Amino acid sequence: MTEQEKDQDAPKIIVDSDWKQDAAREKDRLEEETRDAGARGPLPDPSLAELVNMIVMQASIGLGGYKAPTGETLPPDMDVAKHYIDLLELLRTKTSGNQTDEETHLLDGIAHELRLAFVQAVSGGKPAPPDVQP
């Protein structure tokens, strides 16, 4: 076999000189997608009302009637509901004297509504989630 025939049978290496440009374009595209996905704007200032809303949501889920992301209704869990109602009461008593009138009104009203919803749920009625207005 001649040298020329050997060269024809040998595997040929194809060099793609554009691979660096393709990789750079892909990197830029991914960075842009990541940047766009994180564009949510500034977060609000932390507040007692926000903390209360987080606790109320958990207590309301414990009271039942909410749907899971899969679409099924979550069953009530009175232990969870009681835990978060107690947590709200703890927050209310520990921050007493350091609340604005609006915060006091919010905490007192929400604590009352949640306790009523809990009693209603335990006694067999279907609770209505509390109306939370920050």
Protein backbone atom coordinates (compact mmCIF):
# COMPACT_ATOMS: atom_id res chain seq x y z
CA MET A 1 0.00 0.00 0.00
CA THR A 2 1.39 3.34 -0.98
CA GLU A 3 1.71 6.34 1.23
CA GLN A 4 -1.12 8.07 -0.64
CA GLU A 5 -3.50 5.15 -0.11
CA LYS A 6 -2.67 5.09 3.60
CA ASP A 7 -3.56 8.78 3.85
CA GLN A 8 -6.91 8.15 2.19
CA ASP A 9 -7.76 5.30 4.61
CA ALA A 10 -6.63 7.18 7.73
CA PRO A 11 -9.37 8.92 9.72
CA LYS A 12 -9.58 12.58 8.91
CA ILE A 13 -9.67 15.16 11.66
CA ILE A 14 -12.03 18.00 10.91
CA VAL A 15 -11.33 21.11 12.89
CA ASP A 16 -14.35 23.29 13.50
CA SER A 17 -12.89 26.73 14.01
CA ASP A 18 -16.29 28.16 14.93
CA TRP A 19 -16.74 26.10 18.11
CA LYS A 20 -15.42 28.89 20.32
CA GLN A 21 -17.85 31.35 18.80
CA ASP A 22 -20.73 28.86 19.19
CA ALA A 23 -19.80 28.27 22.83
CA ALA A 24 -19.60 32.01 23.49
CA ARG A 25 -23.02 32.56 21.89
CA GLU A 26 -24.53 29.75 23.99
CA LYS A 27 -22.97 31.20 27.15
CA ASP A 28 -24.37 34.65 26.36
CA ARG A 29 -27.82 33.20 25.68
CA LEU A 30 -27.84 31.29 28.98
CA GLU A 31 -26.67 34.36 30.92
CA GLU A 32 -29.46 36.42 29.36
CA GLU A 33 -32.08 33.79 30.21
CA THR A 34 -30.81 33.62 33.79
CA ARG A 35 -30.81 37.39 34.09
CA ASP A 36 -34.37 37.63 32.70
CA ALA A 37 -35.64 34.91 35.04
CA GLY A 38 -34.35 36.80 38.07
CA ALA A 39 -35.85 40.15 37.10
CA ARG A 40 -38.52 40.50 39.78
CA GLY A 41 -37.92 44.01 40.97
CA PRO A 42 -37.07 45.11 44.48
CA LEU A 43 -38.53 43.28 47.45
CA PRO A 44 -40.77 45.27 49.80
CA ASP A 45 -39.43 46.41 53.14
CA PRO A 46 -39.84 43.77 55.85
CA SER A 47 -42.88 44.38 58.03
CA LEU A 48 -44.80 42.81 60.85
CA ALA A 49 -47.81 42.50 58.52
CA GLU A 50 -45.74 40.38 56.13
CA LEU A 51 -44.69 38.08 58.95
CA VAL A 52 -48.30 37.82 60.14
CA ASN A 53 -49.43 36.95 56.61
CA MET A 54 -46.89 34.12 56.43
CA ILE A 55 -48.11 32.66 59.72
CA VAL A 56 -51.77 33.08 58.74
CA MET A 57 -51.21 31.25 55.46
CA GLN A 58 -49.71 28.25 57.26
CA ALA A 59 -52.54 28.21 59.83
CA SER A 60 -55.12 28.45 57.04
CA ILE A 61 -53.53 25.52 55.20
CA GLY A 62 -53.73 23.55 58.45
CA LEU A 63 -57.43 24.39 58.69
CA GLY A 64 -57.94 22.74 55.29
CA GLY A 65 -59.67 23.63 52.08
CA TYR A 66 -56.57 24.58 50.11
CA LYS A 67 -55.42 22.76 47.00
CA ALA A 68 -51.99 21.28 46.45
CA PRO A 69 -50.12 22.14 43.23
CA THR A 70 -51.29 18.75 41.92
CA GLY A 71 -54.92 19.90 42.26
CA GLU A 72 -55.94 17.68 45.14
CA THR A 73 -57.52 19.30 48.19
CA LEU A 74 -55.25 19.27 51.24
CA PRO A 75 -56.91 17.64 54.25
CA PRO A 76 -57.17 19.63 57.47
CA ASP A 77 -54.43 19.13 60.05
CA MET A 78 -55.63 20.64 63.31
CA ASP A 79 -52.26 20.14 65.03
CA VAL A 80 -50.58 22.28 62.35
CA ALA A 81 -53.35 24.88 62.51
CA LYS A 82 -53.10 25.07 66.32
CA HIS A 83 -49.30 25.35 66.15
CA TYR A 84 -49.45 28.38 63.84
CA ILE A 85 -52.30 30.00 65.77
CA ASP A 86 -50.20 29.61 68.94
CA LEU A 87 -47.19 31.01 67.07
CA LEU A 88 -49.24 34.06 66.07
CA GLU A 89 -50.34 34.51 69.68
CA LEU A 90 -46.70 34.29 70.79
CA LEU A 91 -45.74 36.96 68.26
CA ARG A 92 -48.63 39.14 69.42
CA THR A 93 -47.69 38.94 73.11
CA LYS A 94 -43.91 39.23 72.61
CA THR A 95 -44.26 42.36 70.45
CA SER A 96 -46.91 43.96 72.65
CA GLY A 97 -45.92 47.52 73.50
CA ASN A 98 -43.75 47.77 70.36
CA GLN A 99 -46.58 47.75 67.81
CA THR A 100 -48.22 50.61 66.00
CA ASP A 101 -51.99 50.93 66.46
CA GLU A 102 -52.44 49.46 62.97
CA GLU A 103 -50.25 46.45 63.81
CA THR A 104 -52.09 45.87 67.09
CA HIS A 105 -55.44 45.99 65.27
CA LEU A 106 -54.14 43.56 62.61
CA LEU A 107 -52.75 41.06 65.12
CA ASP A 108 -55.82 41.17 67.38
CA GLY A 109 -58.23 40.79 64.47
CA ILE A 110 -56.35 37.98 62.75
CA ALA A 111 -55.79 36.06 66.00
CA HIS A 112 -59.54 36.30 66.74
CA GLU A 113 -60.52 35.16 63.22
CA LEU A 114 -58.14 32.21 63.30
CA ARG A 115 -59.35 31.07 66.72
CA LEU A 116 -62.97 31.21 65.49
CA ALA A 117 -62.06 29.28 62.33
CA PHE A 118 -60.25 26.68 64.44
CA VAL A 119 -63.23 26.18 66.78
CA GLN A 120 -65.55 25.93 63.78
CA ALA A 121 -63.30 23.35 62.10
CA VAL A 122 -62.95 21.26 65.25
CA SER A 123 -66.71 21.32 65.83
CA GLY A 124 -67.38 20.02 62.31
CA GLY A 125 -68.14 23.19 60.35
CA LYS A 126 -66.15 24.16 57.28
CA PRO A 127 -63.86 27.08 58.15
CA ALA A 128 -63.56 30.11 55.97
CA PRO A 129 -59.96 31.30 55.61
CA PRO A 130 -59.44 34.63 57.35
CA ASP A 131 -59.53 37.80 55.28
CA VAL A 132 -55.98 39.14 55.51
CA GLN A 133 -55.37 42.74 54.53
CA PRO A 134 -51.78 43.94 55.07
